[in-house]
All heavy atoms as atom14 arrays in JSON, in Angstrom:
{
  "sequence": "EVYPTNSESYAYWHECGADYVTVFQETYHAEKY",
  "atom14_mask": [
    [1, 1, 1, 1, 1, 1, 1, 1, 1, 0, 0, 0, 0, 0],
    [1, 1, 1, 1, 1, 1, 1, 0, 0, 0, 0, 0, 0, 0],
    [1, 1, 1, 1, 1, 1, 1, 1, 1, 1, 1, 1, 0, 0],
    [1, 1, 1, 1, 1, 1, 1, 0, 0, 0, 0, 0, 0, 0],
    [1, 1, 1, 1, 1, 1, 1, 0, 0, 0, 0, 0, 0, 0],
    [1, 1, 1, 1, 1, 1, 1, 1, 0, 0, 0, 0, 0, 0],
    [1, 1, 1, 1, 1, 1, 0, 0, 0, 0, 0, 0, 0, 0],
    [1, 1, 1, 1, 1, 1, 1, 1, 1, 0, 0, 0, 0, 0],
    [1, 1, 1, 1, 1, 1, 0, 0, 0, 0, 0, 0, 0, 0],
    [1, 1, 1, 1, 1, 1, 1, 1, 1, 1, 1, 1, 0, 0],
    [1, 1, 1, 1, 1, 0, 0, 0, 0, 0, 0, 0, 0, 0],
    [1, 1, 1, 1, 1, 1, 1, 1, 1, 1, 1, 1, 0, 0],
    [1, 1, 1, 1, 1, 1, 1, 1, 1, 1, 1, 1, 1, 1],
    [1, 1, 1, 1, 1, 1, 1, 1, 1, 1, 0, 0, 0, 0],
    [1, 1, 1, 1, 1, 1, 1, 1, 1, 0, 0, 0, 0, 0],
    [1, 1, 1, 1, 1, 1, 0, 0, 0, 0, 0, 0, 0, 0],
    [1, 1, 1, 1, 0, 0, 0, 0, 0, 0, 0, 0, 0, 0],
    [1, 1, 1, 1, 1, 0, 0, 0, 0, 0, 0, 0, 0, 0],
    [1, 1, 1, 1, 1, 1, 1, 1, 0, 0, 0, 0, 0, 0],
    [1, 1, 1, 1, 1, 1, 1, 1, 1, 1, 1, 1, 0, 0],
    [1, 1, 1, 1, 1, 1, 1, 0, 0, 0, 0, 0, 0, 0],
    [1, 1, 1, 1, 1, 1, 1, 0, 0, 0, 0, 0, 0, 0],
    [1, 1, 1, 1, 1, 1, 1, 0, 0, 0, 0, 0, 0, 0],
    [1, 1, 1, 1, 1, 1, 1, 1, 1, 1, 1, 0, 0, 0],
    [1, 1, 1, 1, 1, 1, 1, 1, 1, 0, 0, 0, 0, 0],
    [1, 1, 1, 1, 1, 1, 1, 1, 1, 0, 0, 0, 0, 0],
    [1, 1, 1, 1, 1, 1, 1, 0, 0, 0, 0, 0, 0, 0],
    [1, 1, 1, 1, 1, 1, 1, 1, 1, 1, 1, 1, 0, 0],
    [1, 1, 1, 1, 1, 1, 1, 1, 1, 1, 0, 0, 0, 0],
    [1, 1, 1, 1, 1, 0, 0, 0, 0, 0, 0, 0, 0, 0],
    [1, 1, 1, 1, 1, 1, 1, 1, 1, 0, 0, 0, 0, 0],
    [1, 1, 1, 1, 1, 1, 1, 1, 1, 0, 0, 0, 0, 0],
    [1, 1, 1, 1, 1, 1, 1, 1, 1, 1, 1, 1, 0, 0]
  ],
  "atom14_positions": [
    [[-6.14, -1.09, 3.83], [-4.85, -1.36, 4.47], [-4.64, -2.91, 4.3], [-4.95, -3.77, 5.08], [-4.96, -0.94, 5.99], [-3.7, -1.03, 6.67], [-3.75, -0.51, 8.16], [-4.42, 0.51, 8.3], [-3.19, -1.17, 9.03], [0.0, 0.0, 0.0], [0.0, 0.0, 0.0], [0.0, 0.0, 0.0], [0.0, 0.0, 0.0], [0.0, 0.0, 0.0]],
    [[-3.89, -3.08, 3.18], [-3.64, -4.44, 2.67], [-2.2, -4.53, 2.24], [-1.44, -3.6, 2.55], [-4.55, -4.95, 1.65], [-6.07, -4.79, 2.03], [-4.54, -3.94, 0.43], [0.0, 0.0, 0.0], [0.0, 0.0, 0.0], [0.0, 0.0, 0.0], [0.0, 0.0, 0.0], [0.0, 0.0, 0.0], [0.0, 0.0, 0.0], [0.0, 0.0, 0.0]],
    [[-1.82, -5.6, 1.7], [-0.41, -5.77, 1.34], [-0.08, -4.84, 0.18], [-0.86, -4.42, -0.62], [-0.12, -7.25, 0.74], [-1.14, -7.7, -0.32], [-1.07, -7.29, -1.69], [-2.26, -8.5, -0.01], [-1.98, -7.67, -2.63], [-3.22, -8.86, -0.92], [-3.0, -8.55, -2.23], [-3.96, -8.96, -3.15], [0.0, 0.0, 0.0], [0.0, 0.0, 0.0]],
    [[1.11, -4.28, 0.19], [1.68, -3.36, -0.84], [1.57, -4.0, -2.19], [1.89, -5.28, -2.26], [2.95, -2.92, -0.48], [3.04, -3.16, 0.99], [2.16, -4.34, 1.3], [0.0, 0.0, 0.0], [0.0, 0.0, 0.0], [0.0, 0.0, 0.0], [0.0, 0.0, 0.0], [0.0, 0.0, 0.0], [0.0, 0.0, 0.0], [0.0, 0.0, 0.0]],
    [[1.26, -3.34, -3.27], [1.29, -3.93, -4.6], [1.68, -2.99, -5.69], [2.26, -1.82, -5.21], [-0.26, -4.47, -4.92], [-0.24, -5.21, -6.1], [-1.2, -3.17, -4.96], [0.0, 0.0, 0.0], [0.0, 0.0, 0.0], [0.0, 0.0, 0.0], [0.0, 0.0, 0.0], [0.0, 0.0, 0.0], [0.0, 0.0, 0.0], [0.0, 0.0, 0.0]],
    [[1.59, -3.35, -6.79], [2.05, -2.43, -7.94], [1.02, -1.38, -8.37], [-0.17, -1.5, -8.03], [2.4, -3.35, -9.12], [3.59, -4.26, -8.93], [4.36, -4.03, -8.05], [3.76, -5.33, -9.79], [0.0, 0.0, 0.0], [0.0, 0.0, 0.0], [0.0, 0.0, 0.0], [0.0, 0.0, 0.0], [0.0, 0.0, 0.0], [0.0, 0.0, 0.0]],
    [[1.42, -0.42, -9.04], [0.55, 0.7, -9.37], [-0.68, 0.36, -10.12], [-1.82, 0.89, -9.94], [1.26, 1.87, -10.03], [1.92, 1.33, -11.23], [0.0, 0.0, 0.0], [0.0, 0.0, 0.0], [0.0, 0.0, 0.0], [0.0, 0.0, 0.0], [0.0, 0.0, 0.0], [0.0, 0.0, 0.0], [0.0, 0.0, 0.0], [0.0, 0.0, 0.0]],
    [[-0.6, -0.75, -11.03], [-1.66, -1.04, -11.82], [-2.73, -1.78, -11.0], [-4.01, -1.69, -11.21], [-1.27, -2.04, -13.02], [-0.69, -3.39, -12.46], [-0.25, -4.23, -13.69], [-0.32, -3.74, -14.76], [0.18, -5.45, -13.35], [0.0, 0.0, 0.0], [0.0, 0.0, 0.0], [0.0, 0.0, 0.0], [0.0, 0.0, 0.0], [0.0, 0.0, 0.0]],
    [[-2.38, -2.44, -9.95], [-3.41, -2.98, -8.96], [-3.99, -1.93, -8.16], [-5.18, -2.04, -7.88], [-2.71, -4.12, -8.05], [-2.2, -5.17, -8.8], [0.0, 0.0, 0.0], [0.0, 0.0, 0.0], [0.0, 0.0, 0.0], [0.0, 0.0, 0.0], [0.0, 0.0, 0.0], [0.0, 0.0, 0.0], [0.0, 0.0, 0.0], [0.0, 0.0, 0.0]],
    [[-3.26, -1.02, -7.8], [-3.85, 0.18, -7.03], [-4.95, 0.88, -7.97], [-5.9, 1.34, -7.46], [-2.76, 1.21, -6.57], [-1.99, 0.75, -5.4], [-0.64, 0.66, -5.39], [-2.56, 0.39, -4.17], [0.1, 0.23, -4.27], [-1.97, -0.12, -3.06], [-0.5, -0.07, -3.12], [0.22, -0.49, -1.99], [0.0, 0.0, 0.0], [0.0, 0.0, 0.0]],
    [[-4.54, 0.99, -9.28], [-5.5, 1.61, -10.14], [-6.76, 0.76, -10.25], [-7.98, 1.33, -10.41], [-4.89, 1.72, -11.54], [0.0, 0.0, 0.0], [0.0, 0.0, 0.0], [0.0, 0.0, 0.0], [0.0, 0.0, 0.0], [0.0, 0.0, 0.0], [0.0, 0.0, 0.0], [0.0, 0.0, 0.0], [0.0, 0.0, 0.0], [0.0, 0.0, 0.0]],
    [[-6.63, -0.55, -10.27], [-7.81, -1.47, -10.31], [-8.71, -1.28, -9.12], [-9.88, -1.1, -9.18], [-7.37, -2.78, -10.46], [-8.5, -3.9, -10.26], [-9.58, -3.99, -11.17], [-8.51, -4.66, -9.08], [-10.61, -4.96, -10.93], [-9.49, -5.52, -8.82], [-10.53, -5.73, -9.85], [-11.58, -6.62, -9.53], [0.0, 0.0, 0.0], [0.0, 0.0, 0.0]],
    [[-7.97, -1.17, -7.92], [-8.74, -1.04, -6.64], [-9.51, 0.31, -6.69], [-10.59, 0.45, -6.06], [-7.83, -1.21, -5.53], [-7.39, -2.68, -5.2], [-8.14, -3.74, -5.65], [-6.18, -3.06, -4.57], [-7.34, -4.83, -5.22], [-6.26, -4.42, -4.58], [-5.21, -2.28, -3.86], [-5.23, -5.21, -3.93], [-4.23, -3.1, -3.12], [-4.22, -4.5, -3.26]],
    [[-8.78, 1.3, -7.15], [-9.43, 2.62, -7.2], [-10.71, 2.65, -8.11], [-11.78, 3.15, -7.83], [-8.51, 3.69, -7.7], [-9.13, 5.15, -7.88], [-9.62, 5.73, -6.72], [-9.23, 5.89, -8.9], [-10.12, 6.91, -7.13], [-9.92, 7.07, -8.4], [0.0, 0.0, 0.0], [0.0, 0.0, 0.0], [0.0, 0.0, 0.0], [0.0, 0.0, 0.0]],
    [[-10.61, 1.93, -9.18], [-11.82, 1.72, -10.13], [-12.9, 0.95, -9.52], [-14.03, 1.17, -9.78], [-11.33, 1.01, -11.38], [-10.44, 1.77, -12.32], [-9.89, 0.84, -13.47], [-10.21, -0.33, -13.54], [-9.09, 1.35, -14.28], [0.0, 0.0, 0.0], [0.0, 0.0, 0.0], [0.0, 0.0, 0.0], [0.0, 0.0, 0.0], [0.0, 0.0, 0.0]],
    [[-12.57, 0.16, -8.53], [-13.53, -0.72, -7.76], [-14.16, 0.07, -6.61], [-15.26, -0.21, -6.13], [-12.93, -1.92, -7.19], [-12.46, -3.14, -8.38], [0.0, 0.0, 0.0], [0.0, 0.0, 0.0], [0.0, 0.0, 0.0], [0.0, 0.0, 0.0], [0.0, 0.0, 0.0], [0.0, 0.0, 0.0], [0.0, 0.0, 0.0], [0.0, 0.0, 0.0]],
    [[-13.61, 1.29, -6.32], [-14.27, 2.16, -5.3], [-13.5, 2.58, -4.22], [-13.81, 3.43, -3.34], [0.0, 0.0, 0.0], [0.0, 0.0, 0.0], [0.0, 0.0, 0.0], [0.0, 0.0, 0.0], [0.0, 0.0, 0.0], [0.0, 0.0, 0.0], [0.0, 0.0, 0.0], [0.0, 0.0, 0.0], [0.0, 0.0, 0.0], [0.0, 0.0, 0.0]],
    [[-12.15, 2.17, -4.13], [-11.23, 2.6, -3.05], [-10.79, 3.94, -3.23], [-10.45, 4.46, -4.33], [-10.01, 1.63, -2.92], [0.0, 0.0, 0.0], [0.0, 0.0, 0.0], [0.0, 0.0, 0.0], [0.0, 0.0, 0.0], [0.0, 0.0, 0.0], [0.0, 0.0, 0.0], [0.0, 0.0, 0.0], [0.0, 0.0, 0.0], [0.0, 0.0, 0.0]],
    [[-10.75, 4.8, -2.15], [-10.38, 6.13, -2.12], [-8.87, 6.38, -1.72], [-8.21, 7.29, -2.21], [-11.29, 6.98, -1.27], [-12.68, 6.91, -1.62], [-12.98, 7.76, -2.46], [-13.43, 6.24, -1.01], [0.0, 0.0, 0.0], [0.0, 0.0, 0.0], [0.0, 0.0, 0.0], [0.0, 0.0, 0.0], [0.0, 0.0, 0.0], [0.0, 0.0, 0.0]],
    [[-8.43, 5.67, -0.66], [-7.13, 5.93, -0.19], [-6.52, 4.64, 0.31], [-7.16, 3.59, 0.56], [-7.16, 6.93, 1.03], [-8.03, 6.42, 2.17], [-7.34, 5.92, 3.27], [-9.35, 6.67, 2.33], [-7.96, 5.47, 4.38], [-9.99, 6.24, 3.43], [-9.34, 5.67, 4.47], [-10.04, 5.31, 5.55], [0.0, 0.0, 0.0], [0.0, 0.0, 0.0]],
    [[-5.16, 4.61, 0.5], [-4.39, 3.48, 0.98], [-3.54, 3.88, 2.09], [-2.86, 4.98, 2.0], [-3.49, 3.01, -0.19], [-2.45, 1.93, 0.23], [-4.41, 2.39, -1.35], [0.0, 0.0, 0.0], [0.0, 0.0, 0.0], [0.0, 0.0, 0.0], [0.0, 0.0, 0.0], [0.0, 0.0, 0.0], [0.0, 0.0, 0.0], [0.0, 0.0, 0.0]],
    [[-3.55, 3.08, 3.15], [-2.61, 3.29, 4.27], [-1.59, 2.2, 4.29], [-2.07, 0.95, 4.18], [-3.35, 3.32, 5.55], [-4.19, 4.52, 5.61], [-2.49, 3.31, 6.71], [0.0, 0.0, 0.0], [0.0, 0.0, 0.0], [0.0, 0.0, 0.0], [0.0, 0.0, 0.0], [0.0, 0.0, 0.0], [0.0, 0.0, 0.0], [0.0, 0.0, 0.0]],
    [[-0.32, 2.44, 4.45], [0.67, 1.48, 4.69], [1.63, 1.86, 5.82], [2.11, 2.83, 5.89], [1.63, 1.34, 3.28], [2.68, 0.37, 3.52], [0.73, 0.97, 2.08], [0.0, 0.0, 0.0], [0.0, 0.0, 0.0], [0.0, 0.0, 0.0], [0.0, 0.0, 0.0], [0.0, 0.0, 0.0], [0.0, 0.0, 0.0], [0.0, 0.0, 0.0]],
    [[1.68, 0.87, 6.78], [2.56, 1.09, 7.95], [3.95, 0.63, 7.42], [4.18, -0.59, 7.08], [2.09, 0.15, 9.08], [0.96, 0.67, 9.86], [0.06, 1.58, 9.2], [0.74, 0.23, 11.09], [-0.93, 2.07, 9.93], [-0.34, 0.8, 11.86], [-1.26, 1.67, 11.17], [0.0, 0.0, 0.0], [0.0, 0.0, 0.0], [0.0, 0.0, 0.0]],
    [[4.95, 1.47, 7.45], [6.3, 1.14, 7.27], [6.93, 0.29, 8.37], [7.86, -0.42, 8.17], [7.12, 2.32, 6.91], [8.6, 2.05, 6.52], [8.76, 1.2, 5.31], [7.94, 1.17, 4.4], [9.78, 0.38, 5.28], [0.0, 0.0, 0.0], [0.0, 0.0, 0.0], [0.0, 0.0, 0.0], [0.0, 0.0, 0.0], [0.0, 0.0, 0.0]],
    [[6.23, 0.34, 9.46], [6.66, -0.26, 10.81], [7.94, 0.36, 11.32], [7.77, 1.04, 12.36], [6.83, -1.75, 10.62], [5.78, -2.45, 9.76], [4.43, -2.39, 10.3], [4.13, -1.66, 11.17], [3.54, -3.19, 9.75], [0.0, 0.0, 0.0], [0.0, 0.0, 0.0], [0.0, 0.0, 0.0], [0.0, 0.0, 0.0], [0.0, 0.0, 0.0]],
    [[9.0, 0.27, 10.69], [10.19, 1.05, 11.13], [10.97, 1.39, 9.74], [11.0, 0.66, 8.79], [11.14, 0.32, 12.1], [12.3, 1.15, 12.29], [11.64, -1.06, 11.48], [0.0, 0.0, 0.0], [0.0, 0.0, 0.0], [0.0, 0.0, 0.0], [0.0, 0.0, 0.0], [0.0, 0.0, 0.0], [0.0, 0.0, 0.0], [0.0, 0.0, 0.0]],
    [[11.52, 2.63, 9.84], [12.31, 3.1, 8.59], [13.76, 2.66, 8.76], [14.56, 3.01, 7.95], [12.17, 4.56, 8.51], [10.88, 4.94, 7.87], [9.73, 5.1, 8.72], [10.73, 5.37, 6.57], [8.55, 5.42, 8.2], [9.57, 5.72, 5.93], [8.39, 5.84, 6.8], [7.21, 6.16, 6.19], [0.0, 0.0, 0.0], [0.0, 0.0, 0.0]],
    [[14.19, 2.04, 9.88], [15.54, 1.69, 10.08], [15.7, 0.26, 9.43], [15.24, -0.75, 9.97], [15.84, 1.51, 11.66], [17.27, 1.31, 11.96], [17.87, 0.13, 11.71], [18.09, 2.06, 12.6], [19.16, 0.3, 12.12], [19.32, 1.46, 12.71], [0.0, 0.0, 0.0], [0.0, 0.0, 0.0], [0.0, 0.0, 0.0], [0.0, 0.0, 0.0]],
    [[16.47, 0.3, 8.32], [16.53, -0.95, 7.46], [17.02, -2.11, 8.11], [16.6, -3.25, 7.94], [17.34, -0.59, 6.13], [0.0, 0.0, 0.0], [0.0, 0.0, 0.0], [0.0, 0.0, 0.0], [0.0, 0.0, 0.0], [0.0, 0.0, 0.0], [0.0, 0.0, 0.0], [0.0, 0.0, 0.0], [0.0, 0.0, 0.0], [0.0, 0.0, 0.0]],
    [[18.13, -1.88, 8.94], [18.8, -3.03, 9.58], [17.81, -3.66, 10.71], [17.68, -4.86, 10.79], [20.01, -2.65, 10.24], [21.12, -2.35, 9.16], [22.47, -1.98, 9.84], [22.54, -2.19, 11.11], [23.47, -1.6, 9.15], [0.0, 0.0, 0.0], [0.0, 0.0, 0.0], [0.0, 0.0, 0.0], [0.0, 0.0, 0.0], [0.0, 0.0, 0.0]],
    [[17.14, -2.73, 11.35], [16.12, -3.26, 12.32], [14.95, -3.92, 11.66], [14.47, -4.94, 12.08], [15.68, -2.1, 13.26], [14.73, -2.54, 14.41], [15.35, -3.52, 15.34], [14.59, -3.98, 16.46], [14.45, -2.82, 17.59], [0.0, 0.0, 0.0], [0.0, 0.0, 0.0], [0.0, 0.0, 0.0], [0.0, 0.0, 0.0], [0.0, 0.0, 0.0]],
    [[14.59, -3.35, 10.57], [13.39, -3.94, 9.79], [13.73, -5.33, 9.38], [12.85, -6.19, 9.56], [13.2, -3.02, 8.63], [12.05, -3.36, 7.68], [10.85, -2.7, 7.87], [12.13, -4.46, 6.71], [9.7, -3.11, 7.05], [11.07, -4.79, 5.92], [9.89, -4.05, 6.14], [8.83, -4.35, 5.32], [0.0, 0.0, 0.0], [0.0, 0.0, 0.0]]
  ]
}
């Protein structure tokens, strides 16, 4: 549960041993966001 990144970085983290990623959108309301 870290900063969002590009797919190639996620691929690297998976190679390093990570299984899953959690991202809180916080709110889906773009104006409130």
